[in-house]
Amino acid sequence: MFDDRNHAGQVLAERLAGHNLKKPYILAVPRGGIAVASPIAAKLQAKMGILIAKKIGHPLNPEVAIGAIMPDGSLVHDNQYVSGIGVKQDSFDQLVAAARKVFEQRVKVYEDRIVKNHEIKGQDIIVVDDGVATGYTMQAAVKWLQKWNPVSITVAVPVAPNDVTNRLRQEKITVICVDERDVFKSVGSYYKDFREMTDQEAVEYHRLAPNGIVRL
């Protein structure tokens, strides 16, 4: 169990330091991923940016993603999965609309610090979040990043289910996860302190890290 997101980032930083990436460029998924990414950026002396992707939460458990808004605003989801868990189309449409609203708000929060997306080309990208449950948000981020021809993509998270990390590895990327679980509860259950972060707190974390925010 991790004390908090900063502690999780410190543990991940030690793992990543052994990979000797030549041009590490860290992209954190807000909001919690920024707190995890901050000590990683410090350890690797790497530029740190923000990748804006928004999960679409399950109506009964918002922490569990049933889809995601990609960095360009497009939607990624599995129709069969959504219908299989009993979410009707009109309810799903409402969830998507709410997610888009949050997505657009976050773009406004970070837009004055955006870095041009062509800077991703030729970099060793490290995508960081505070954990994954269903993996939709991370999968959306990876698929989008692959279009911009980075040298490599590494997903770095403190905790995740085994089936999700295996699915991500099928995208021909590196996945570094401190705690991979056969039986997974929720991301927050593996932290002593998993309080919700505000966008303002996330901006402050980034201000203390190397400069540069990315929105694709």
Protein backbone atom coordinates (compact mmCIF):
# COMPACT_ATOMS: atom_id res chain seq x y z
CA MET A 1 0.00 0.00 0.00
CA PHE A 2 1.21 3.51 -0.84
CA ASP A 3 1.18 6.36 1.67
CA ASP A 4 -0.01 8.84 -0.95
CA ARG A 5 0.51 9.75 -4.59
CA ASN A 6 3.89 11.33 -3.91
CA HIS A 7 5.13 8.12 -2.29
CA ALA A 8 3.84 6.11 -5.27
CA GLY A 9 5.74 8.43 -7.60
CA GLN A 10 8.95 7.97 -5.67
CA VAL A 11 8.68 4.18 -5.95
CA LEU A 12 7.95 4.41 -9.68
CA ALA A 13 10.84 6.83 -10.15
CA GLU A 14 13.30 4.25 -8.83
CA ARG A 15 11.93 1.65 -11.25
CA LEU A 16 12.09 4.02 -14.22
CA ALA A 17 15.63 5.19 -13.41
CA GLY A 18 16.93 1.75 -14.34
CA HIS A 19 15.52 1.90 -17.85
CA ASN A 20 18.01 4.53 -19.08
CA LEU A 21 15.64 6.31 -21.45
CA LYS A 22 17.62 8.77 -23.59
CA LYS A 23 14.96 11.44 -24.08
CA PRO A 24 12.37 10.94 -21.33
CA TYR A 25 9.32 13.17 -21.62
CA ILE A 26 6.78 12.62 -18.86
CA LEU A 27 3.09 13.14 -19.58
CA ALA A 28 0.83 13.06 -16.52
CA VAL A 29 -2.90 12.38 -16.65
CA PRO A 30 -4.67 14.95 -14.46
CA ARG A 31 -5.39 15.25 -11.81
CA GLY A 32 -3.90 12.56 -9.58
CA GLY A 33 -1.33 11.51 -12.16
CA ILE A 34 0.40 14.87 -11.83
CA ALA A 35 1.21 14.26 -8.16
CA VAL A 36 2.63 10.83 -9.06
CA ALA A 37 4.62 12.21 -12.00
CA SER A 38 6.23 15.08 -10.11
CA PRO A 39 8.85 13.01 -8.19
CA ILE A 40 9.49 10.98 -11.35
CA ALA A 41 10.32 14.16 -13.27
CA ALA A 42 12.64 15.23 -10.48
CA LYS A 43 14.42 11.87 -10.36
CA LEU A 44 14.90 11.61 -14.12
CA GLN A 45 15.51 15.34 -14.59
CA ALA A 46 12.91 15.13 -17.33
CA LYS A 47 10.48 17.58 -18.84
CA MET A 48 6.98 17.04 -17.49
CA GLY A 49 3.77 17.74 -19.37
CA ILE A 50 0.08 17.10 -18.94
CA LEU A 51 -1.94 14.80 -21.18
CA ILE A 52 -5.62 15.67 -21.00
CA ALA A 53 -7.78 12.58 -21.34
CA LYS A 54 -11.01 12.13 -19.38
CA LYS A 55 -12.53 8.84 -18.34
CA ILE A 56 -16.27 8.22 -18.52
CA GLY A 57 -17.17 6.79 -15.15
CA HIS A 58 -19.62 3.99 -14.39
CA PRO A 59 -22.88 5.52 -13.08
CA LEU A 60 -22.67 3.43 -9.88
CA ASN A 61 -18.91 3.79 -9.41
CA PRO A 62 -17.40 6.88 -11.11
CA GLU A 63 -13.85 5.65 -10.40
CA VAL A 64 -14.36 2.76 -12.85
CA ALA A 65 -14.08 3.86 -16.48
CA ILE A 66 -16.45 2.53 -19.12
CA GLY A 67 -14.94 4.72 -21.83
CA ALA A 68 -12.72 7.76 -22.26
CA ILE A 69 -12.42 11.07 -24.09
CA MET A 70 -9.17 11.11 -26.03
CA PRO A 71 -6.85 14.14 -26.09
CA ASP A 72 -8.39 15.35 -29.35
CA GLY A 73 -11.89 15.14 -27.85
CA SER A 74 -12.92 11.93 -29.61
CA LEU A 75 -14.61 9.06 -27.77
CA VAL A 76 -13.22 5.58 -27.05
CA HIS A 77 -15.55 2.92 -25.64
CA ASP A 78 -16.72 -0.65 -26.05
CA ASN A 79 -20.42 -0.82 -26.96
CA GLN A 80 -20.66 -4.47 -25.98
CA TYR A 81 -19.12 -3.81 -22.56
CA VAL A 82 -21.33 -0.77 -21.90
CA SER A 83 -24.52 -2.63 -22.77
CA GLY A 84 -23.33 -5.72 -20.93
CA ILE A 85 -23.13 -3.86 -17.61
CA GLY A 86 -26.64 -2.52 -18.08
CA VAL A 87 -25.92 1.09 -19.03
CA LYS A 88 -28.60 2.27 -21.46
CA GLN A 89 -27.73 4.48 -24.42
CA ASP A 90 -29.43 7.62 -23.07
CA SER A 91 -27.64 7.25 -19.74
CA PHE A 92 -24.33 6.70 -21.53
CA ASP A 93 -24.90 9.80 -23.67
CA GLN A 94 -25.43 11.84 -20.49
CA LEU A 95 -22.22 10.45 -19.00
CA VAL A 96 -20.33 11.34 -22.19
CA ALA A 97 -21.72 14.88 -22.15
CA ALA A 98 -20.65 15.33 -18.52
CA ALA A 99 -17.16 13.98 -19.29
CA ARG A 100 -16.77 16.34 -22.25
CA LYS A 101 -17.70 19.28 -20.05
CA VAL A 102 -14.98 18.36 -17.53
CA PHE A 103 -12.54 17.79 -20.40
CA GLU A 104 -13.20 21.26 -21.81
CA GLN A 105 -12.85 22.83 -18.36
CA ARG A 106 -9.45 21.21 -17.89
CA VAL A 107 -8.32 22.43 -21.29
CA LYS A 108 -9.11 25.96 -20.13
CA VAL A 109 -7.25 25.45 -16.84
CA TYR A 110 -4.05 24.32 -18.57
CA GLU A 111 -4.28 26.00 -21.97
CA ASP A 112 -1.94 28.89 -21.20
CA ARG A 113 0.89 26.36 -20.66
CA ILE A 114 0.32 24.08 -23.66
CA VAL A 115 3.34 22.70 -25.54
CA LYS A 116 3.06 21.98 -29.28
CA ASN A 117 2.27 18.34 -29.93
CA HIS A 118 5.00 17.95 -32.57
CA GLU A 119 7.50 17.95 -29.68
CA ILE A 120 6.39 14.39 -28.88
CA LYS A 121 8.08 13.08 -32.02
CA GLY A 122 11.45 11.51 -31.27
CA GLN A 123 10.89 11.42 -27.49
CA ASP A 124 10.73 8.55 -25.02
CA ILE A 125 7.25 9.20 -23.67
CA ILE A 126 6.33 8.12 -20.14
CA VAL A 127 2.59 8.32 -19.44
CA VAL A 128 1.84 8.49 -15.72
CA ASP A 129 -1.39 8.12 -13.75
CA ASP A 130 -2.14 7.28 -10.12
CA GLY A 131 -3.46 3.86 -11.16
CA VAL A 132 -5.72 2.19 -13.69
CA ALA A 133 -8.86 0.13 -13.17
CA THR A 134 -10.41 -0.70 -16.54
CA GLY A 135 -7.63 0.97 -18.53
CA TYR A 136 -9.82 2.89 -20.99
CA THR A 137 -8.27 6.27 -20.25
CA MET A 138 -4.73 4.98 -20.58
CA GLN A 139 -5.53 2.99 -23.71
CA ALA A 140 -7.03 6.10 -25.29
CA ALA A 141 -3.92 8.10 -24.41
CA VAL A 142 -1.58 5.45 -25.85
CA LYS A 143 -3.46 5.14 -29.13
CA TRP A 144 -3.37 8.88 -29.57
CA LEU A 145 0.33 9.22 -28.74
CA GLN A 146 1.28 6.49 -31.22
CA LYS A 147 0.12 8.77 -34.03
CA TRP A 148 2.87 11.27 -33.21
CA ASN A 149 5.81 8.87 -33.70
CA PRO A 150 7.59 8.91 -30.33
CA VAL A 151 10.70 6.75 -30.00
CA SER A 152 8.96 4.74 -27.29
CA ILE A 153 5.94 4.81 -25.01
CA THR A 154 6.09 3.65 -21.41
CA VAL A 155 3.02 3.51 -19.19
CA ALA A 156 3.99 3.94 -15.52
CA VAL A 157 1.38 3.41 -12.82
CA PRO A 158 1.53 2.37 -9.16
CA VAL A 159 -1.26 -0.20 -9.29
CA ALA A 160 -3.42 -1.97 -11.90
CA PRO A 161 -5.21 -5.26 -12.61
CA ASN A 162 -3.20 -7.92 -14.44
CA ASP A 163 -5.64 -8.17 -17.31
CA VAL A 164 -5.36 -4.43 -17.99
CA THR A 165 -1.56 -4.33 -17.96
CA ASN A 166 -1.49 -7.35 -20.28
CA ARG A 167 -3.91 -5.63 -22.65
CA LEU A 168 -1.79 -2.49 -22.69
CA ARG A 169 1.34 -4.51 -23.43
CA GLN A 170 -0.40 -5.85 -26.54
CA GLU A 171 -0.16 -2.28 -27.88
CA LYS A 172 3.62 -2.92 -28.14
CA ILE A 173 4.53 -0.54 -25.35
CA THR A 174 6.36 -0.91 -22.05
CA VAL A 175 4.24 -1.08 -18.90
CA ILE A 176 5.80 -0.50 -15.50
CA CYS A 177 3.43 -1.22 -12.64
CA VAL A 178 4.58 -1.56 -9.04
CA ASP A 179 1.59 -3.63 -7.90
CA GLU A 180 -0.20 -5.79 -10.47
CA ARG A 181 -3.25 -7.51 -9.02
CA ASP A 182 -5.18 -10.64 -10.01
CA VAL A 183 -8.06 -9.49 -7.82
CA PHE A 184 -8.52 -5.74 -8.06
CA LYS A 185 -10.69 -3.55 -5.82
CA SER A 186 -10.27 0.11 -6.73
CA VAL A 187 -7.28 2.39 -7.27
CA GLY A 188 -7.97 4.29 -4.05
CA SER A 189 -7.99 1.14 -1.91
CA TYR A 190 -4.23 0.78 -2.42
CA TYR A 191 -3.46 4.21 -0.94
CA LYS A 192 -3.60 5.32 2.68
CA ASP A 193 -4.30 8.86 1.47
CA PHE A 194 -6.23 9.10 -1.80
CA ARG A 195 -7.99 12.40 -1.33
CA GLU A 196 -9.39 14.00 -4.47
CA MET A 197 -7.14 16.64 -6.02
CA THR A 198 -8.33 19.94 -7.47
CA ASP A 199 -7.09 21.36 -10.75
CA GLN A 200 -5.48 24.18 -8.76
CA GLU A 201 -3.48 21.66 -6.71
CA ALA A 202 -2.48 19.86 -9.90
CA VAL A 203 -1.22 23.12 -11.42
CA GLU A 204 0.87 23.75 -8.31
CA TYR A 205 2.43 20.28 -8.52
CA HIS A 206 3.36 21.00 -12.10
CA ARG A 207 4.74 24.43 -11.27
CA LEU A 208 7.24 22.78 -8.94
CA ALA A 209 8.27 20.26 -11.61
CA PRO A 210 10.14 20.90 -14.88
CA ASN A 211 8.17 23.25 -17.12
CA GLY A 212 5.94 22.31 -20.04
CA ILE A 213 2.38 21.09 -20.37
CA VAL A 214 1.09 19.05 -23.28
CA ARG A 215 -2.43 18.86 -24.59
CA LEU A 216 -2.68 16.93 -27.82
